[in-house]
Amino acid sequence: MLLLVHQNESRVEVWRRAPDWTVQVAGPGDVIDLPELAGALSLSEIYARIAL
């Protein structure tokens, strides 16, 4: 799994390889499920202290 967190906009790309690479794009208000880490991340938490 690879997370690409954008710094200029509220956007996270989640890349997973199983067996080929797939991408999930999350935007404002979304929650990213991370079963590999037994948890989830909300974009509002990721960008809470960042002025975009």
PDB file of N, CA and C in Angstrom:
ATOM      1  N   MET A   1       0.851  -1.167   0.000  1.00  0.00           N
ATOM      2  CA  MET A   1       0.000   0.000   0.000  1.00  0.00           C
ATOM      3  C   MET A   1       0.894   1.227   0.000  1.00  0.00           C
ATOM      4  N   LEU A   2       0.444   2.228  -0.744  1.00  0.00           N
ATOM      5  CA  LEU A   2       1.158   3.488  -0.859  1.00  0.00           C
ATOM      6  C   LEU A   2       0.148   4.616  -0.739  1.00  0.00           C
ATOM      7  N   LEU A   3       0.407   5.575   0.138  1.00  0.00           N
ATOM      8  CA  LEU A   3      -0.460   6.743   0.283  1.00  0.00           C
ATOM      9  C   LEU A   3       0.250   7.961  -0.284  1.00  0.00           C
ATOM     10  N   LEU A   4      -0.406   8.663  -1.197  1.00  0.00           N
ATOM     11  CA  LEU A   4       0.105   9.930  -1.716  1.00  0.00           C
ATOM     12  C   LEU A   4      -0.797  11.032  -1.177  1.00  0.00           C
ATOM     13  N   VAL A   5      -0.240  11.855  -0.301  1.00  0.00           N
ATOM     14  CA  VAL A   5      -0.993  12.937   0.320  1.00  0.00           C
ATOM     15  C   VAL A   5      -0.603  14.236  -0.367  1.00  0.00           C
ATOM     16  N   HIS A   6      -1.561  14.885  -0.998  1.00  0.00           N
ATOM     17  CA  HIS A   6      -1.296  16.125  -1.726  1.00  0.00           C
ATOM     18  C   HIS A   6      -1.175  17.288  -0.747  1.00  0.00           C
ATOM     19  N   GLN A   7      -0.267  18.202  -1.045  1.00  0.00           N
ATOM     20  CA  GLN A   7      -0.042  19.321  -0.141  1.00  0.00           C
ATOM     21  C   GLN A   7      -0.781  20.585  -0.543  1.00  0.00           C
ATOM     22  N   ASN A   8      -1.269  20.669  -1.765  1.00  0.00           N
ATOM     23  CA  ASN A   8      -1.942  21.879  -2.231  1.00  0.00           C
ATOM     24  C   ASN A   8      -3.450  21.750  -2.329  1.00  0.00           C
ATOM     25  N   GLU A   9      -3.965  20.574  -2.059  1.00  0.00           N
ATOM     26  CA  GLU A   9      -5.407  20.347  -2.087  1.00  0.00           C
ATOM     27  C   GLU A   9      -5.738  19.183  -1.165  1.00  0.00           C
ATOM     28  N   SER A  10      -6.972  19.112  -0.733  1.00  0.00           N
ATOM     29  CA  SER A  10      -7.417  18.043   0.147  1.00  0.00           C
ATOM     30  C   SER A  10      -7.691  16.804  -0.698  1.00  0.00           C
ATOM     31  N   ARG A  11      -6.635  16.022  -0.906  1.00  0.00           N
ATOM     32  CA  ARG A  11      -6.723  14.849  -1.773  1.00  0.00           C
ATOM     33  C   ARG A  11      -5.660  13.831  -1.369  1.00  0.00           C
ATOM     34  N   VAL A  12      -6.088  12.578  -1.239  1.00  0.00           N
ATOM     35  CA  VAL A  12      -5.175  11.481  -0.924  1.00  0.00           C
ATOM     36  C   VAL A  12      -5.438  10.360  -1.913  1.00  0.00           C
ATOM     37  N   GLU A  13      -4.366   9.811  -2.461  1.00  0.00           N
ATOM     38  CA  GLU A  13      -4.466   8.655  -3.346  1.00  0.00           C
ATOM     39  C   GLU A  13      -3.960   7.434  -2.577  1.00  0.00           C
ATOM     40  N   VAL A  14      -4.744   6.372  -2.604  1.00  0.00           N
ATOM     41  CA  VAL A  14      -4.360   5.119  -1.947  1.00  0.00           C
ATOM     42  C   VAL A  14      -4.108   4.098  -3.055  1.00  0.00           C
ATOM     43  N   TRP A  15      -2.853   3.703  -3.199  1.00  0.00           N
ATOM     44  CA  TRP A  15      -2.456   2.716  -4.202  1.00  0.00           C
ATOM     45  C   TRP A  15      -2.254   1.375  -3.517  1.00  0.00           C
ATOM     46  N   ARG A  16      -2.892   0.345  -4.091  1.00  0.00           N
ATOM     47  CA  ARG A  16      -2.760  -1.019  -3.556  1.00  0.00           C
ATOM     48  C   ARG A  16      -2.391  -1.963  -4.694  1.00  0.00           C
ATOM     49  N   ARG A  17      -1.603  -2.957  -4.366  1.00  0.00           N
ATOM     50  CA  ARG A  17      -1.190  -3.952  -5.361  1.00  0.00           C
ATOM     51  C   ARG A  17      -1.755  -5.299  -4.956  1.00  0.00           C
ATOM     52  N   ALA A  18      -2.738  -5.777  -5.727  1.00  0.00           N
ATOM     53  CA  ALA A  18      -3.357  -7.065  -5.403  1.00  0.00           C
ATOM     54  C   ALA A  18      -4.141  -7.610  -6.583  1.00  0.00           C
ATOM     55  N   PRO A  19      -3.635  -8.306  -7.506  1.00  0.00           N
ATOM     56  CA  PRO A  19      -2.230  -8.456  -7.888  1.00  0.00           C
ATOM     57  C   PRO A  19      -1.719  -7.278  -8.711  1.00  0.00           C
ATOM     58  N   ASP A  20      -2.618  -6.530  -9.375  1.00  0.00           N
ATOM     59  CA  ASP A  20      -2.205  -5.331 -10.112  1.00  0.00           C
ATOM     60  C   ASP A  20      -2.475  -4.103  -9.258  1.00  0.00           C
ATOM     61  N   TRP A  21      -1.821  -2.992  -9.612  1.00  0.00           N
ATOM     62  CA  TRP A  21      -2.014  -1.752  -8.865  1.00  0.00           C
ATOM     63  C   TRP A  21      -3.404  -1.174  -9.127  1.00  0.00           C
ATOM     64  N   THR A  22      -4.073  -0.786  -8.061  1.00  0.00           N
ATOM     65  CA  THR A  22      -5.353  -0.081  -8.145  1.00  0.00           C
ATOM     66  C   THR A  22      -5.211   1.205  -7.341  1.00  0.00           C
ATOM     67  N   VAL A  23      -6.035   2.199  -7.679  1.00  0.00           N
ATOM     68  CA  VAL A  23      -5.971   3.468  -6.962  1.00  0.00           C
ATOM     69  C   VAL A  23      -7.358   3.858  -6.475  1.00  0.00           C
ATOM     70  N   GLN A  24      -7.410   4.378  -5.267  1.00  0.00           N
ATOM     71  CA  GLN A  24      -8.623   4.963  -4.705  1.00  0.00           C
ATOM     72  C   GLN A  24      -8.283   6.414  -4.408  1.00  0.00           C
ATOM     73  N   VAL A  25      -9.094   7.346  -4.904  1.00  0.00           N
ATOM     74  CA  VAL A  25      -8.868   8.764  -4.669  1.00  0.00           C
ATOM     75  C   VAL A  25      -9.895   9.257  -3.662  1.00  0.00           C
ATOM     76  N   ALA A  26      -9.406   9.912  -2.617  1.00  0.00           N
ATOM     77  CA  ALA A  26     -10.279  10.441  -1.573  1.00  0.00           C
ATOM     78  C   ALA A  26     -10.169  11.957  -1.554  1.00  0.00           C
ATOM     79  N   GLY A  27     -11.302  12.608  -1.324  1.00  0.00           N
ATOM     80  CA  GLY A  27     -11.351  14.060  -1.284  1.00  0.00           C
ATOM     81  C   GLY A  27     -11.950  14.563   0.010  1.00  0.00           C
ATOM     82  N   PRO A  28     -12.255  15.858   0.069  1.00  0.00           N
ATOM     83  CA  PRO A  28     -12.781  16.462   1.295  1.00  0.00           C
ATOM     84  C   PRO A  28     -13.984  15.683   1.846  1.00  0.00           C
ATOM     85  N   GLY A  29     -13.963  15.432   3.142  1.00  0.00           N
ATOM     86  CA  GLY A  29     -15.065  14.734   3.788  1.00  0.00           C
ATOM     87  C   GLY A  29     -15.012  13.223   3.716  1.00  0.00           C
ATOM     88  N   ASP A  30     -14.072  12.674   2.949  1.00  0.00           N
ATOM     89  CA  ASP A  30     -13.972  11.217   2.809  1.00  0.00           C
ATOM     90  C   ASP A  30     -13.199  10.597   3.962  1.00  0.00           C
ATOM     91  N   VAL A  31     -13.429   9.316   4.158  1.00  0.00           N
ATOM     92  CA  VAL A  31     -12.682   8.504   5.132  1.00  0.00           C
ATOM     93  C   VAL A  31     -12.050   7.359   4.355  1.00  0.00           C
ATOM     94  N   ILE A  32     -10.775   7.144   4.585  1.00  0.00           N
ATOM     95  CA  ILE A  32     -10.037   6.083   3.899  1.00  0.00           C
ATOM     96  C   ILE A  32      -9.943   4.880   4.826  1.00  0.00           C
ATOM     97  N   ASP A  33     -10.497   3.749   4.401  1.00  0.00           N
ATOM     98  CA  ASP A  33     -10.364   2.504   5.153  1.00  0.00           C
ATOM     99  C   ASP A  33      -8.988   1.915   4.885  1.00  0.00           C
ATOM    100  N   LEU A  34      -8.306   1.548   5.968  1.00  0.00           N
ATOM    101  CA  LEU A  34      -6.977   0.959   5.852  1.00  0.00           C
ATOM    102  C   LEU A  34      -6.945  -0.376   6.605  1.00  0.00           C
ATOM    103  N   PRO A  35      -7.541  -1.414   5.998  1.00  0.00           N
ATOM    104  CA  PRO A  35      -7.566  -2.711   6.683  1.00  0.00           C
ATOM    105  C   PRO A  35      -6.167  -3.278   6.922  1.00  0.00           C
ATOM    106  N   GLU A  36      -5.205  -2.878   6.100  1.00  0.00           N
ATOM    107  CA  GLU A  36      -3.828  -3.345   6.283  1.00  0.00           C
ATOM    108  C   GLU A  36      -3.256  -2.871   7.617  1.00  0.00           C
ATOM    109  N   LEU A  37      -3.781  -1.740   8.115  1.00  0.00           N
ATOM    110  CA  LEU A  37      -3.314  -1.166   9.378  1.00  0.00           C
ATOM    111  C   LEU A  37      -4.374  -1.256  10.469  1.00  0.00           C
ATOM    112  N   ALA A  38      -5.458  -1.971  10.186  1.00  0.00           N
ATOM    113  CA  ALA A  38      -6.567  -2.145  11.130  1.00  0.00           C
ATOM    114  C   ALA A  38      -7.137  -0.809  11.594  1.00  0.00           C
ATOM    115  N   GLY A  39      -7.369   0.085  10.628  1.00  0.00           N
ATOM    116  CA  GLY A  39      -7.922   1.387  10.991  1.00  0.00           C
ATOM    117  C   GLY A  39      -8.429   2.157   9.795  1.00  0.00           C
ATOM    118  N   ALA A  40      -8.643   3.451  10.022  1.00  0.00           N
ATOM    119  CA  ALA A  40      -9.133   4.346   8.979  1.00  0.00           C
ATOM    120  C   ALA A  40      -8.605   5.749   9.241  1.00  0.00           C
ATOM    121  N   LEU A  41      -8.543   6.557   8.198  1.00  0.00           N
ATOM    122  CA  LEU A  41      -8.122   7.955   8.289  1.00  0.00           C
ATOM    123  C   LEU A  41      -9.170   8.831   7.634  1.00  0.00           C
ATOM    124  N   SER A  42      -9.537   9.908   8.296  1.00  0.00           N
ATOM    125  CA  SER A  42     -10.430  10.864   7.653  1.00  0.00           C
ATOM    126  C   SER A  42      -9.580  12.003   7.104  1.00  0.00           C
ATOM    127  N   LEU A  43      -9.957  12.504   5.947  1.00  0.00           N
ATOM    128  CA  LEU A  43      -9.204  13.600   5.364  1.00  0.00           C
ATOM    129  C   LEU A  43      -9.280  14.846   6.228  1.00  0.00           C
ATOM    130  N   SER A  44     -10.379  15.028   6.936  1.00  0.00           N
ATOM    131  CA  SER A  44     -10.476  16.195   7.818  1.00  0.00           C
ATOM    132  C   SER A  44      -9.417  16.138   8.918  1.00  0.00           C
ATOM    133  N   GLU A  45      -9.063  14.944   9.400  1.00  0.00           N
ATOM    134  CA  GLU A  45      -7.999  14.811  10.396  1.00  0.00           C
ATOM    135  C   GLU A  45      -6.623  15.062   9.788  1.00  0.00           C
ATOM    136  N   ILE A  46      -6.418  14.566   8.587  1.00  0.00           N
ATOM    137  CA  ILE A  46      -5.123  14.734   7.926  1.00  0.00           C
ATOM    138  C   ILE A  46      -4.834  16.209   7.684  1.00  0.00           C
ATOM    139  N   TYR A  47      -5.843  16.960   7.243  1.00  0.00           N
ATOM    140  CA  TYR A  47      -5.654  18.360   6.859  1.00  0.00           C
ATOM    141  C   TYR A  47      -6.124  19.342   7.920  1.00  0.00           C
ATOM    142  N   ALA A  48      -6.308  18.902   9.159  1.00  0.00           N
ATOM    143  CA  ALA A  48      -6.879  19.747  10.221  1.00  0.00           C
ATOM    144  C   ALA A  48      -6.079  21.030  10.471  1.00  0.00           C
ATOM    145  N   ARG A  49      -4.776  20.982  10.424  1.00  0.00           N
ATOM    146  CA  ARG A  49      -3.951  22.155  10.739  1.00  0.00           C
ATOM    147  C   ARG A  49      -3.331  22.816   9.525  1.00  0.00           C
ATOM    148  N   ILE A  50      -3.852  22.499   8.353  1.00  0.00           N
ATOM    149  CA  ILE A  50      -3.275  23.018   7.113  1.00  0.00           C
ATOM    150  C   ILE A  50      -4.264  23.969   6.459  1.00  0.00           C
ATOM    151  N   ALA A  51      -3.802  25.162   6.136  1.00  0.00           N
ATOM    152  CA  ALA A  51      -4.645  26.124   5.411  1.00  0.00           C
ATOM    153  C   ALA A  51      -4.424  25.915   3.912  1.00  0.00           C
ATOM    154  N   LEU A  52      -5.460  25.505   3.229  1.00  0.00           N
ATOM    155  CA  LEU A  52      -5.351  25.272   1.789  1.00  0.00           C
ATOM    156  C   LEU A  52      -5.914  26.441   1.014  1.00  0.00           C
TER     157      LEU A  52
END
